[in-house]
Amino acid sequence: MDGLILNLAPTGMVPTRSMNPNLPVTPDQIIADCCKCVDLGASILHIHARDESGVPTFRRDIYARIIEGIRENKPEAIICVSLSGRHFQDFADRSDPLLLRGDLKPDMASLTLSSLNFARQASVNEPDMVRRLAETMAEAGIRPELEVFDLGMVNYAKYLIDRGLIEPPFYFNFLLGNVSSCQLDPLHLGALAASLPEKSVWACGGIGDSQLAANTLGILHGNGVRVGLEDYLWMDRQRTELASNAGMVKRITELATLLERSFEPAPVVRKALGLA
C-alpha cells in the first residue's frame, strides 16, 4: 500500500458536549459524523458508544445501532469498536461488542496492550484481560487495533504474536503525548517504529495539543494517522477554535497533499489489513 491510512476517533470516553458541542454522542450523531468523515477521506472508524445519558457504555445493542447506520450509508468503511479499560474491568462487559455477528460484526476492536495512567485516570489492562480479549477476537475473526503508548506495549504485542493470538498484518496506533508514556519526540517515535515486528503498519496520533504534530510525523514517516475529537477538542494549541471531526479530517488531508502524500480509500486499506 503506497498511500496512508486515516483513522478517525470521533468521540472517546472522556469528552462531553459541554466541552465541545461538535462532539457526536448519540448513535445518530456518531453515524452522521462518521459518514461525513468517510467522504472526506477517513477509512477506519474507531467507535466509542454512549448510553442514553451520554455515559460511555460497552452495550452491544448500542454498538449495533451505530454499526448498522454506518454500513447502510458507507459499507466500505472499516469499523473498529472500543474495548477500553478506563471504565470497565469485567471481561463480560469489555468483550460484549465482540459478540456481534453477521452484518453487525465489527471489522476491528481496540486492544490496549498494557495498563497506563492518563492525567486524571488509569486505564487498567491486566495481562489476563489483554490475552482473553485477543483470544476472543481471534475466534470471532475480528482484527485487533493495537494501541501503543510506550515501548513495553510493542513488546507485549510480540508476546501475543509468539503465542499465535494475533495474526499478520499487524495494525498499530502509536499515541504520543500522554503524561505518563511516550512523548511527542522523534526519538520516542523512532524507538517504537524500530521495534515493530515484520508485516506491521502503523498510524500516529497525539494526545491533547500533540495531535497535529503527531499526525504530521505519521504522514512523513509512517503509514497514517489517527485524528479526532477523542484526542483533542481544539484546532489550535492556544485553544481559540473548537474543533470538529470533519474539520480535523479536512485539515489533515490538506496537509498530506502539501507533503505529497495521500490517504487511501477504505477498500484499499481493507485489502492491506487483510479485511477484504
Protein backbone atom coordinates (compact mmCIF):
# COMPACT_ATOMS: atom_id res chain seq x y z
CA MET A 1 0.00 0.00 0.00
CA ASP A 2 1.61 3.24 -1.19
CA GLY A 3 -0.83 5.65 0.45
CA LEU A 4 -1.82 6.36 4.03
CA ILE A 5 -4.49 5.23 6.50
CA LEU A 6 -6.76 7.82 8.11
CA ASN A 7 -8.19 6.50 11.39
CA LEU A 8 -10.97 8.67 12.87
CA ALA A 9 -11.60 8.62 16.64
CA PRO A 10 -14.76 10.74 16.82
CA THR A 11 -15.95 10.51 20.44
CA GLY A 12 -13.77 8.76 23.05
CA MET A 13 -14.54 8.10 26.71
CA VAL A 14 -13.89 11.49 28.31
CA PRO A 15 -15.15 14.44 26.21
CA THR A 16 -18.67 15.81 26.60
CA ARG A 17 -20.80 18.14 24.53
CA SER A 18 -20.44 20.76 27.24
CA MET A 19 -16.71 20.74 26.43
CA ASN A 20 -17.33 20.88 22.68
CA PRO A 21 -20.83 20.97 21.16
CA ASN A 22 -19.47 19.36 17.98
CA LEU A 23 -18.82 16.07 19.80
CA PRO A 24 -21.00 13.23 18.45
CA VAL A 25 -22.55 11.30 21.34
CA THR A 26 -25.83 9.69 20.28
CA PRO A 27 -25.85 6.88 17.70
CA ASP A 28 -27.38 9.19 15.09
CA GLN A 29 -24.76 11.86 15.73
CA ILE A 30 -21.91 9.35 15.55
CA ILE A 31 -23.30 7.83 12.35
CA ALA A 32 -23.68 11.21 10.65
CA ASP A 33 -20.25 12.43 11.71
CA CYS A 34 -18.52 9.23 10.64
CA CYS A 35 -20.22 9.17 7.25
CA LYS A 36 -19.22 12.77 6.60
CA CYS A 37 -15.62 11.97 7.52
CA VAL A 38 -15.53 8.89 5.28
CA ASP A 39 -16.48 11.19 2.41
CA LEU A 40 -13.53 13.40 3.39
CA GLY A 41 -11.00 10.54 3.50
CA ALA A 42 -11.38 8.50 6.71
CA SER A 43 -11.07 4.74 6.20
CA ILE A 44 -11.07 3.36 9.79
CA LEU A 45 -13.70 4.50 12.32
CA HIS A 46 -12.66 3.96 15.96
CA ILE A 47 -16.04 3.99 17.72
CA HIS A 48 -16.88 4.58 21.39
CA ALA A 49 -20.55 4.11 22.28
CA ARG A 50 -22.50 6.19 24.81
CA ASP A 51 -25.74 5.23 26.57
CA GLU A 52 -28.97 7.21 26.67
CA SER A 53 -27.48 9.54 29.31
CA GLY A 54 -24.35 10.20 27.29
CA VAL A 55 -22.18 7.98 29.54
CA PRO A 56 -19.65 5.58 27.94
CA THR A 57 -21.06 2.08 27.55
CA PHE A 58 -19.97 -1.38 26.44
CA ARG A 59 -23.51 -2.38 25.38
CA ARG A 60 -23.53 -4.29 22.12
CA ASP A 61 -27.08 -3.15 21.27
CA ILE A 62 -25.88 0.46 21.05
CA TYR A 63 -22.81 -0.54 19.07
CA ALA A 64 -25.14 -2.49 16.78
CA ARG A 65 -27.21 0.62 16.05
CA ILE A 66 -24.10 2.59 15.20
CA ILE A 67 -22.58 -0.13 13.01
CA GLU A 68 -25.86 -0.69 11.18
CA GLY A 69 -26.28 3.02 10.48
CA ILE A 70 -22.75 3.46 9.16
CA ARG A 71 -22.90 0.36 6.97
CA GLU A 72 -26.23 1.39 5.47
CA ASN A 73 -24.55 4.54 4.19
CA LYS A 74 -20.82 3.69 3.95
CA PRO A 75 -20.49 -0.10 3.63
CA GLU A 76 -16.84 0.21 2.64
CA ALA A 77 -15.81 1.87 5.93
CA ILE A 78 -13.75 -0.18 8.40
CA ILE A 79 -15.44 -0.17 11.81
CA CYS A 80 -13.42 -0.63 14.99
CA VAL A 81 -15.19 -0.88 18.36
CA SER A 82 -13.54 0.26 21.57
CA LEU A 83 -12.77 -2.21 24.37
CA SER A 84 -11.40 0.49 26.66
CA GLY A 85 -10.25 -0.27 30.20
CA ARG A 86 -10.92 3.18 31.62
CA HIS A 87 -14.40 2.44 32.98
CA PHE A 88 -14.97 -1.30 32.69
CA GLN A 89 -12.97 -4.12 34.25
CA ASP A 90 -15.27 -7.12 33.88
CA PHE A 91 -14.38 -9.31 30.90
CA ALA A 92 -18.02 -9.92 30.00
CA ASP A 93 -18.59 -6.16 29.79
CA ARG A 94 -15.48 -5.31 27.83
CA SER A 95 -15.95 -8.14 25.34
CA ASP A 96 -19.68 -7.52 24.79
CA PRO A 97 -19.27 -5.77 21.38
CA LEU A 98 -17.23 -8.77 20.16
CA LEU A 99 -20.39 -10.91 20.32
CA LEU A 100 -21.98 -9.06 17.40
CA ARG A 101 -22.28 -11.27 14.34
CA GLY A 102 -23.31 -11.18 10.70
CA ASP A 103 -23.69 -7.73 9.17
CA LEU A 104 -23.19 -6.16 12.61
CA LYS A 105 -19.83 -7.77 13.41
CA PRO A 106 -17.11 -5.12 13.71
CA ASP A 107 -14.07 -5.37 11.45
CA MET A 108 -11.68 -4.47 14.26
CA ALA A 109 -11.57 -3.86 18.01
CA SER A 110 -9.13 -1.86 20.08
CA LEU A 111 -6.60 -3.74 22.19
CA THR A 112 -4.58 -1.61 24.60
CA LEU A 113 -1.58 -3.78 25.38
CA SER A 114 -0.91 -2.81 29.00
CA SER A 115 -2.17 -0.63 31.84
CA LEU A 116 -1.31 3.06 31.87
CA ASN A 117 -2.14 6.32 33.62
CA PHE A 118 -3.73 9.29 31.92
CA ALA A 119 -3.67 12.74 33.52
CA ARG A 120 -6.63 12.04 35.83
CA GLN A 121 -7.48 8.38 35.34
CA ALA A 122 -5.99 4.94 34.85
CA SER A 123 -6.67 2.55 32.00
CA VAL A 124 -6.32 -0.87 33.59
CA ASN A 125 -5.45 -3.70 31.22
CA GLU A 126 -4.29 -6.72 33.19
CA PRO A 127 -2.35 -9.41 31.29
CA ASP A 128 -5.16 -11.94 31.56
CA MET A 129 -7.68 -9.38 30.25
CA VAL A 130 -5.50 -8.50 27.26
CA ARG A 131 -4.93 -12.17 26.46
CA ARG A 132 -8.62 -13.10 26.74
CA LEU A 133 -9.69 -10.18 24.56
CA ALA A 134 -7.11 -11.18 21.95
CA GLU A 135 -8.34 -14.79 22.06
CA THR A 136 -11.96 -13.70 21.65
CA MET A 137 -11.09 -11.50 18.68
CA ALA A 138 -9.18 -14.34 17.04
CA GLU A 139 -12.12 -16.72 17.50
CA ALA A 140 -14.55 -14.17 16.04
CA GLY A 141 -12.35 -13.14 13.12
CA ILE A 142 -12.05 -9.56 14.36
CA ARG A 143 -8.67 -7.90 13.81
CA PRO A 144 -7.12 -6.08 16.78
CA GLU A 145 -6.27 -2.40 16.54
CA LEU A 146 -3.12 -2.49 18.68
CA GLU A 147 -2.98 0.60 20.92
CA VAL A 148 0.57 1.55 21.89
CA PHE A 149 1.56 4.27 24.36
CA ASP A 150 5.07 3.08 25.19
CA LEU A 151 7.76 0.62 24.14
CA GLY A 152 6.70 -2.13 26.54
CA MET A 153 3.36 -2.36 24.77
CA VAL A 154 5.08 -3.24 21.49
CA ASN A 155 6.95 -5.96 23.35
CA TYR A 156 3.68 -7.32 24.73
CA ALA A 157 2.25 -7.41 21.22
CA LYS A 158 5.20 -9.60 20.23
CA TYR A 159 4.45 -11.83 23.23
CA LEU A 160 0.90 -12.33 21.95
CA ILE A 161 2.14 -12.87 18.39
CA ASP A 162 4.59 -15.54 19.54
CA ARG A 163 1.67 -17.39 21.13
CA GLY A 164 -0.40 -17.27 17.95
CA LEU A 165 -3.06 -14.92 19.34
CA ILE A 166 -2.53 -12.21 16.72
CA GLU A 167 -2.01 -12.86 13.02
CA PRO A 168 -0.37 -10.56 10.45
CA PRO A 169 -0.69 -8.00 9.08
CA PHE A 170 -0.44 -6.11 12.37
CA TYR A 171 -2.04 -2.67 12.70
CA PHE A 172 -0.62 -0.39 15.40
CA ASN A 173 -1.75 3.02 16.63
CA PHE A 174 1.09 4.97 18.27
CA LEU A 175 -0.35 7.53 20.70
CA LEU A 176 2.14 10.20 21.74
CA GLY A 177 1.99 12.98 24.30
CA ASN A 178 0.24 11.31 27.24
CA VAL A 179 1.75 12.48 30.51
CA SER A 180 2.91 9.01 31.63
CA SER A 181 4.03 7.48 28.34
CA CYS A 182 5.90 8.26 25.10
CA GLN A 183 6.11 11.94 24.28
CA LEU A 184 5.98 13.92 21.05
CA ASP A 185 9.65 13.29 20.40
CA PRO A 186 11.15 11.85 17.19
CA LEU A 187 13.41 9.63 19.30
CA HIS A 188 10.42 8.14 21.10
CA LEU A 189 8.61 7.57 17.81
CA GLY A 190 11.72 6.10 16.20
CA ALA A 191 12.16 3.63 19.04
CA LEU A 192 8.54 2.48 18.69
CA ALA A 193 8.73 2.10 14.90
CA ALA A 194 12.09 0.30 15.01
CA SER A 195 10.76 -2.26 17.49
CA LEU A 196 7.77 -3.40 15.42
CA PRO A 197 7.53 -6.95 14.13
CA GLU A 198 7.59 -7.67 10.41
CA LYS A 199 4.35 -7.21 8.46
CA SER A 200 3.31 -4.23 10.59
CA VAL A 201 1.71 -0.95 9.62
CA TRP A 202 1.39 1.98 12.00
CA ALA A 203 -0.50 5.21 12.33
CA CYS A 204 0.39 8.08 14.65
CA GLY A 205 -1.92 10.10 16.89
CA GLY A 206 -1.33 12.66 19.60
CA ILE A 207 -2.98 13.20 22.96
CA GLY A 208 -4.11 16.79 23.56
CA ASP A 209 -2.25 19.50 21.73
CA SER A 210 0.25 16.93 20.44
CA GLN A 211 -2.29 15.78 17.86
CA LEU A 212 -1.39 17.84 14.79
CA ALA A 213 2.37 17.40 15.17
CA ALA A 214 1.98 13.66 15.81
CA ASN A 215 -0.21 13.36 12.73
CA THR A 216 2.45 15.15 10.71
CA LEU A 217 5.04 12.58 11.82
CA GLY A 218 2.65 9.82 10.80
CA ILE A 219 2.28 11.35 7.34
CA LEU A 220 6.02 11.86 6.88
CA HIS A 221 7.36 8.63 8.33
CA GLY A 222 4.53 6.18 8.94
CA ASN A 223 1.54 4.53 7.36
CA GLY A 224 -1.05 7.01 8.51
CA VAL A 225 -2.68 8.99 11.27
CA ARG A 226 -5.28 8.79 13.98
CA VAL A 227 -7.24 12.01 14.37
CA GLY A 228 -10.44 13.14 16.07
CA LEU A 229 -12.21 14.72 19.00
CA GLU A 230 -11.41 11.76 21.24
CA ASP A 231 -7.84 13.01 21.46
CA TYR A 232 -8.21 16.81 21.28
CA LEU A 233 -11.16 19.20 21.24
CA TRP A 234 -9.42 22.19 19.66
CA MET A 235 -7.95 23.11 16.30
CA ASP A 236 -5.03 25.02 17.81
CA ARG A 237 -2.64 24.89 20.77
CA GLN A 238 -3.96 28.22 22.07
CA ARG A 239 -7.49 26.75 22.31
CA THR A 240 -9.12 29.59 20.46
CA GLU A 241 -11.09 27.47 17.95
CA LEU A 242 -13.19 24.45 18.86
CA ALA A 243 -12.60 21.54 16.52
CA SER A 244 -14.99 19.29 14.65
CA ASN A 245 -14.16 15.85 13.34
CA ALA A 246 -14.84 16.92 9.77
CA GLY A 247 -12.63 19.98 10.21
CA MET A 248 -9.77 17.87 11.56
CA VAL A 249 -10.07 15.32 8.76
CA LYS A 250 -10.19 18.04 6.11
CA ARG A 251 -7.11 19.75 7.56
CA ILE A 252 -5.06 16.56 7.76
CA THR A 253 -5.89 15.56 4.19
CA GLU A 254 -4.85 19.02 3.01
CA LEU A 255 -1.60 18.70 4.97
CA ALA A 256 -0.92 15.29 3.42
CA THR A 257 -1.37 16.81 -0.03
CA LEU A 258 1.13 19.56 0.79
CA LEU A 259 3.60 16.87 1.88
CA GLU A 260 2.95 14.95 -1.36
CA ARG A 261 1.19 12.04 0.35
CA SER A 262 -2.41 10.87 0.10
CA PHE A 263 -4.89 8.78 2.06
CA GLU A 264 -6.10 5.51 0.61
CA PRO A 265 -9.82 4.78 0.30
CA ALA A 266 -11.29 2.19 2.63
CA PRO A 267 -11.33 -0.70 0.10
CA VAL A 268 -7.56 -0.38 -0.39
CA VAL A 269 -6.98 -0.24 3.38
CA ARG A 270 -9.23 -3.28 3.84
CA LYS A 271 -7.09 -5.30 1.46
CA ALA A 272 -3.85 -4.13 3.08
CA LEU A 273 -5.07 -5.14 6.55
CA GLY A 274 -6.45 -8.49 5.43
CA LEU A 275 -10.05 -7.43 5.91
CA ALA A 276 -11.25 -7.65 2.30
